Amino acid sequence: MAIQRASIQSLSRYSPQKGLKTIAILEAVQKHYARAKDASKLEQAIRSKLEAQAEFVLWWDTKGPGEAGKGRPQKNVTDPLHFRSGHDGLPDRMTISRWRRKLNDPENFELTFRAALDRYVCILELQKQAHVGQSTGENEWYTPIEYIEAARQTMGAIDLDPASTALANNSIRATKFFTRAQDGLTREWQGRIWMNPPYAQPAIVSFAEKFAISVEAGSTAQAIALVNNATETEWFSRLVSVCRAICFPKGRLRFWGPGKDSGAPLQGQAVLYAGPDAKRFCASFSHFGFLARVHDPKAR
């Protein structure tokens, strides 16, 4: 359900007070099933809460004080003070606007739903293993946008992110991405690849090997990997073996997470490039730190 798909006729008897109470109850239910680690009921509770929020916004824009899509007072409201946002238990205007933006069509609704599920996956993962070195785009931290833009500037676009989430892809904008449930290691990688893999063992080893094999097979036109600068490890050497240039950022990256302040892992990172245009990669990433070229007589 999204705002545009809700039945306006069903709102003729809609009570905003009851609607908000339902939202609050579903929020509590959602947290309960998260603590209980009941995935199916958690998923149902999240969807039901978002549907209740969408229904409230539809009431606000069509039957309440909000002019559709704008949230401005309507002239035909008998008692506008009774329905003022932020008063009498009603959400403030920023909250209503946020719900509208995230739930206003089926595509946005599904993205919001998947992002909410991802956040709870992060929370459950943190309960199991609270270690910064394992913070990745797949678990709880996402790549700073300026690095994504530099990767897009280098390759022109991103065709595939093999270790991602729906929320992360809002920034990465890959044509295709694989989540943990889809298991990118079992899928074919093609085109221009951006990879910020899970940093935990043994996943990082497997993703590094898959990256290298895809480059060697020629199925990837260009590929960029963001990993810890673990130069002492075999998996890092495997990445270097197929790459033509490396950027070592100054300091540690400030990754971000949904609803969290930015955080830096316990060690520095490296961005590795595989492809025919190392010169362009160096131009795009030079302001982040120092660069190393891996010799290849065919590289420009």
Protein backbone atom coordinates (compact mmCIF):
# COMPACT_ATOMS: atom_id res chain seq x y z
CA MET A 1 0.00 0.00 0.00
CA ALA A 2 1.17 3.53 -0.81
CA ILE A 3 -0.54 6.88 -0.35
CA GLN A 4 -1.75 6.98 -3.94
CA ARG A 5 -3.10 3.43 -3.73
CA ALA A 6 -5.11 3.87 -0.54
CA SER A 7 -8.88 4.08 -0.85
CA ILE A 8 -10.10 7.65 -0.38
CA GLN A 9 -13.62 6.36 0.24
CA SER A 10 -12.37 4.40 3.23
CA LEU A 11 -11.30 7.69 4.84
CA SER A 12 -14.86 9.00 5.23
CA ARG A 13 -14.96 7.48 8.72
CA TYR A 14 -11.22 7.75 9.39
CA SER A 15 -10.22 8.88 12.89
CA PRO A 16 -6.73 10.47 12.93
CA GLN A 17 -6.49 9.89 16.70
CA LYS A 18 -7.15 6.16 16.24
CA GLY A 19 -4.85 6.08 13.24
CA LEU A 20 -1.98 7.54 15.24
CA LYS A 21 -2.68 5.15 18.09
CA THR A 22 -2.47 2.27 15.62
CA ILE A 23 0.88 3.57 14.36
CA ALA A 24 2.21 3.78 17.94
CA ILE A 25 1.02 0.25 18.72
CA LEU A 26 2.58 -1.14 15.55
CA GLU A 27 5.85 0.63 16.39
CA ALA A 28 5.87 -1.18 19.75
CA VAL A 29 4.97 -4.48 18.06
CA GLN A 30 7.78 -3.96 15.58
CA LYS A 31 10.32 -3.51 18.37
CA HIS A 32 8.94 -6.53 20.23
CA TYR A 33 9.40 -8.89 17.27
CA ALA A 34 12.85 -7.41 16.59
CA ARG A 35 13.89 -8.31 20.15
CA ALA A 36 12.28 -11.73 19.72
CA LYS A 37 14.12 -12.15 16.38
CA ASP A 38 10.89 -13.28 14.73
CA ALA A 39 11.66 -12.29 11.13
CA SER A 40 8.28 -13.04 9.55
CA LYS A 41 6.22 -11.20 12.17
CA LEU A 42 8.71 -8.33 12.21
CA GLU A 43 8.32 -7.93 8.45
CA GLN A 44 4.52 -7.93 8.79
CA ALA A 45 4.63 -5.34 11.61
CA ILE A 46 6.88 -2.99 9.63
CA ARG A 47 4.64 -3.14 6.56
CA SER A 48 1.49 -2.62 8.62
CA LYS A 49 3.01 0.43 10.35
CA LEU A 50 4.02 1.99 7.02
CA GLU A 51 0.55 1.35 5.63
CA ALA A 52 -0.96 3.08 8.68
CA GLN A 53 1.35 6.06 8.16
CA ALA A 54 0.40 6.22 4.48
CA GLU A 55 -3.29 6.17 5.41
CA PHE A 56 -2.78 9.03 7.87
CA VAL A 57 -1.02 11.15 5.24
CA LEU A 58 -3.80 10.47 2.75
CA TRP A 59 -6.36 11.61 5.33
CA TRP A 60 -4.26 14.70 6.08
CA ASP A 61 -4.01 15.67 2.40
CA THR A 62 -7.63 14.94 1.41
CA LYS A 63 -9.87 15.15 4.46
CA GLY A 64 -7.72 17.00 6.98
CA PRO A 65 -6.06 20.43 6.94
CA GLY A 66 -3.36 19.62 4.38
CA GLU A 67 -3.85 20.69 0.78
CA ALA A 68 -2.92 17.58 -1.22
CA GLY A 69 0.81 17.17 -1.48
CA LYS A 70 1.57 20.53 0.19
CA GLY A 71 0.44 20.29 3.80
CA ARG A 72 -1.13 23.77 3.75
CA PRO A 73 -4.33 24.61 5.68
CA GLN A 74 -7.57 24.22 3.77
CA LYS A 75 -10.14 26.98 3.93
CA ASN A 76 -13.06 24.61 4.44
CA VAL A 77 -11.74 23.07 7.65
CA THR A 78 -14.21 23.94 10.42
CA ASP A 79 -11.72 23.90 13.28
CA PRO A 80 -8.18 24.21 11.85
CA LEU A 81 -6.60 24.59 15.29
CA HIS A 82 -7.90 21.16 16.26
CA PHE A 83 -5.95 19.64 13.36
CA ARG A 84 -2.80 21.74 13.55
CA SER A 85 0.35 19.69 13.02
CA GLY A 86 2.33 19.22 16.20
CA HIS A 87 -0.72 19.87 18.42
CA ASP A 88 -3.17 17.57 20.20
CA GLY A 89 -0.98 14.55 19.63
CA LEU A 90 -0.70 15.07 15.86
CA PRO A 91 2.73 14.68 14.20
CA ASP A 92 4.60 17.87 13.37
CA ARG A 93 4.70 19.05 9.77
CA MET A 94 8.23 17.71 9.18
CA THR A 95 7.14 14.21 10.22
CA ILE A 96 4.08 14.34 7.96
CA SER A 97 6.23 15.60 5.08
CA ARG A 98 8.74 12.80 5.65
CA TRP A 99 6.02 10.15 5.63
CA ARG A 100 4.56 11.65 2.44
CA ARG A 101 7.94 11.67 0.69
CA LYS A 102 8.78 8.09 1.62
CA LEU A 103 5.35 6.56 1.03
CA ASN A 104 3.84 8.60 -1.79
CA ASP A 105 4.03 5.94 -4.50
CA PRO A 106 4.47 2.17 -4.65
CA GLU A 107 8.17 2.34 -5.54
CA ASN A 108 9.04 4.69 -2.67
CA PHE A 109 6.89 2.64 -0.31
CA GLU A 110 8.78 -0.56 -1.16
CA LEU A 111 12.17 1.17 -0.87
CA THR A 112 11.20 2.51 2.55
CA PHE A 113 9.95 -0.92 3.58
CA ARG A 114 13.16 -2.66 2.49
CA ALA A 115 15.31 0.01 4.17
CA ALA A 116 13.41 -0.52 7.45
CA LEU A 117 14.04 -4.25 7.24
CA ASP A 118 17.71 -3.60 6.56
CA ARG A 119 17.98 -1.40 9.64
CA TYR A 120 16.67 -4.18 11.84
CA VAL A 121 19.05 -6.67 10.21
CA CYS A 122 21.83 -4.26 11.21
CA ILE A 123 20.60 -4.14 14.80
CA LEU A 124 20.45 -7.93 15.06
CA GLU A 125 23.93 -8.21 13.55
CA LEU A 126 25.29 -5.72 16.06
CA GLN A 127 23.86 -7.82 18.89
CA LYS A 128 25.85 -10.78 17.59
CA GLN A 129 29.14 -9.07 16.77
CA ALA A 130 29.90 -5.52 17.81
CA HIS A 131 33.20 -5.03 16.03
CA VAL A 132 33.99 -1.96 13.96
CA GLY A 133 36.21 -3.93 11.63
CA GLN A 134 33.13 -5.80 10.43
CA SER A 135 31.16 -2.62 9.67
CA THR A 136 30.30 -2.62 5.98
CA GLY A 137 27.69 -1.43 3.55
CA GLU A 138 25.95 -4.78 4.02
CA ASN A 139 25.95 -4.74 7.81
CA GLU A 140 25.56 -1.29 9.32
CA TRP A 141 27.78 1.31 7.60
CA TYR A 142 27.60 2.81 4.13
CA THR A 143 30.14 4.46 1.84
CA PRO A 144 30.51 8.27 1.95
CA ILE A 145 28.75 9.74 -1.08
CA GLU A 146 31.85 11.57 -2.36
CA TYR A 147 33.58 8.22 -2.97
CA ILE A 148 30.56 6.94 -4.87
CA GLU A 149 30.56 10.05 -7.05
CA ALA A 150 34.28 9.61 -7.75
CA ALA A 151 33.66 5.99 -8.77
CA ARG A 152 30.83 7.08 -11.05
CA GLN A 153 33.05 9.78 -12.55
CA THR A 154 35.73 7.17 -13.24
CA MET A 155 33.51 4.49 -14.79
CA GLY A 156 30.65 6.62 -16.15
CA ALA A 157 28.04 4.62 -14.22
CA ILE A 158 27.70 1.66 -11.87
CA ASP A 159 26.10 -1.43 -13.35
CA LEU A 160 26.37 -3.72 -10.32
CA ASP A 161 26.94 -3.56 -6.57
CA PRO A 162 27.30 -7.19 -5.45
CA ALA A 163 27.15 -6.51 -1.68
CA SER A 164 24.50 -3.93 -0.96
CA THR A 165 21.06 -3.05 0.41
CA ALA A 166 18.08 -1.11 -0.90
CA LEU A 167 18.99 1.80 1.36
CA ALA A 168 22.63 1.87 0.22
CA ASN A 169 21.56 1.80 -3.42
CA ASN A 170 19.69 5.08 -2.97
CA SER A 171 23.16 6.66 -3.04
CA ILE A 172 25.04 4.18 -5.21
CA ARG A 173 22.33 4.03 -7.88
CA ALA A 174 23.61 0.77 -9.36
CA THR A 175 21.50 -0.66 -12.16
CA LYS A 176 21.52 -3.97 -10.29
CA PHE A 177 22.52 -4.88 -6.75
CA PHE A 178 22.62 -8.05 -4.67
CA THR A 179 21.64 -8.17 -1.01
CA ARG A 180 22.86 -10.64 1.59
CA ALA A 181 19.74 -12.75 0.99
CA GLN A 182 20.46 -12.84 -2.76
CA ASP A 183 24.11 -13.83 -2.11
CA GLY A 184 26.15 -11.99 -4.71
CA LEU A 185 28.88 -14.61 -4.49
CA THR A 186 26.62 -17.07 -6.31
CA ARG A 187 25.66 -14.61 -9.06
CA GLU A 188 27.39 -13.56 -12.25
CA TRP A 189 29.10 -10.15 -12.15
CA GLN A 190 29.02 -8.11 -15.34
CA GLY A 191 29.64 -4.54 -16.43
CA ARG A 192 31.02 -1.76 -14.23
CA ILE A 193 31.32 -2.94 -10.66
CA TRP A 194 31.37 -1.06 -7.37
CA MET A 195 32.17 -3.28 -4.38
CA ASN A 196 32.24 -2.41 -0.68
CA PRO A 197 32.17 -5.98 0.66
CA PRO A 198 31.60 -7.33 4.17
CA TYR A 199 34.91 -6.92 6.00
CA ALA A 200 34.41 -9.96 8.25
CA GLN A 201 36.10 -13.30 7.63
CA PRO A 202 35.57 -15.38 5.59
CA ALA A 203 33.30 -13.12 3.49
CA ILE A 204 36.03 -10.63 2.58
CA VAL A 205 38.23 -13.44 1.21
CA SER A 206 35.38 -14.78 -0.92
CA PHE A 207 34.40 -11.37 -2.29
CA ALA A 208 38.03 -10.50 -3.11
CA GLU A 209 38.40 -13.77 -5.02
CA LYS A 210 35.11 -13.27 -6.87
CA PHE A 211 36.22 -9.74 -7.80
CA ALA A 212 39.55 -10.99 -9.14
CA ILE A 213 38.03 -13.88 -11.08
CA SER A 214 35.45 -11.57 -12.70
CA VAL A 215 38.19 -9.17 -13.81
CA GLU A 216 40.37 -11.98 -15.17
CA ALA A 217 37.44 -13.50 -17.05
CA GLY A 218 36.71 -10.18 -18.74
CA SER A 219 33.09 -10.10 -17.57
CA THR A 220 33.66 -6.75 -15.84
CA ALA A 221 34.43 -3.73 -17.99
CA GLN A 222 35.79 -1.82 -14.99
CA ALA A 223 35.67 -2.52 -11.26
CA ILE A 224 36.38 -0.57 -8.07
CA ALA A 225 36.67 -2.08 -4.60
CA LEU A 226 36.67 -0.24 -1.27
CA VAL A 227 38.28 -2.35 1.47
CA ASN A 228 40.48 -2.06 4.54
CA ASN A 229 44.11 -1.45 3.61
CA ALA A 230 45.11 -4.87 4.93
CA THR A 231 48.25 -5.09 2.83
CA GLU A 232 49.54 -8.02 4.89
CA THR A 233 46.69 -10.33 3.87
CA GLU A 234 46.45 -12.74 0.96
CA TRP A 235 43.02 -11.46 -0.08
CA PHE A 236 44.39 -7.89 -0.44
CA SER A 237 47.27 -9.19 -2.58
CA ARG A 238 44.72 -11.03 -4.70
CA LEU A 239 42.87 -7.77 -5.37
CA VAL A 240 46.11 -5.98 -6.22
CA SER A 241 46.99 -8.72 -8.71
CA VAL A 242 44.14 -7.64 -11.03
CA CYS A 243 44.14 -3.91 -10.31
CA ARG A 244 45.93 -1.11 -12.12
CA ALA A 245 45.77 1.66 -9.51
CA ILE A 246 45.14 2.13 -5.79
CA CYS A 247 44.10 5.14 -3.73
CA PHE A 248 45.05 5.21 -0.04
CA PRO A 249 42.82 7.89 1.55
CA LYS A 250 44.24 10.32 4.08
CA GLY A 251 42.85 9.25 7.44
CA ARG A 252 39.99 6.81 7.93
CA LEU A 253 36.73 7.10 6.02
CA ARG A 254 33.69 8.41 7.84
CA PHE A 255 31.13 5.75 7.00
CA TRP A 256 27.49 6.44 7.72
CA GLY A 257 24.63 4.32 8.96
CA PRO A 258 20.83 4.75 9.07
CA GLY A 259 19.94 6.75 12.17
CA LYS A 260 23.56 6.83 13.37
CA ASP A 261 26.31 9.38 13.54
CA SER A 262 29.15 8.81 11.11
CA GLY A 263 31.89 6.53 12.34
CA ALA A 264 35.37 5.50 11.31
CA PRO A 265 36.65 1.91 11.45
CA LEU A 266 39.74 0.98 13.39
CA GLN A 267 42.08 1.07 10.39
CA GLY A 268 42.55 2.90 7.12
CA GLN A 269 41.04 1.97 3.77
CA ALA A 270 42.12 1.48 0.18
CA VAL A 271 40.24 1.96 -3.08
CA LEU A 272 41.43 -0.38 -5.85
CA TYR A 273 40.73 0.06 -9.55
CA ALA A 274 40.68 -2.62 -12.24
CA GLY A 275 40.19 -1.50 -15.81
CA PRO A 276 41.74 0.19 -18.84
CA ASP A 277 41.68 3.78 -17.62
CA ALA A 278 43.84 4.06 -14.50
CA LYS A 279 44.65 7.64 -15.48
CA ARG A 280 41.01 8.68 -15.12
CA PHE A 281 40.72 6.83 -11.81
CA CYS A 282 43.74 8.69 -10.47
CA ALA A 283 42.28 12.02 -11.58
CA SER A 284 38.97 11.25 -9.85
CA PHE A 285 40.48 10.00 -6.58
CA SER A 286 43.66 12.06 -6.24
CA HIS A 287 42.14 14.56 -3.77
CA PHE A 288 41.29 11.76 -1.29
CA GLY A 289 44.88 10.69 -0.63
CA PHE A 290 47.97 9.32 -2.32
CA LEU A 291 47.93 7.06 -5.33
CA ALA A 292 49.88 3.99 -6.43
CA ARG A 293 49.94 2.73 -10.00
CA VAL A 294 50.29 -1.00 -10.62
CA HIS A 295 52.40 -1.52 -13.72
CA ASP A 296 50.57 -2.67 -16.82
CA PRO A 297 51.91 -1.80 -20.26
CA LYS A 298 48.36 -1.69 -21.68
CA ALA A 299 47.05 0.78 -19.07
CA ARG A 300 46.64 4.42 -20.11
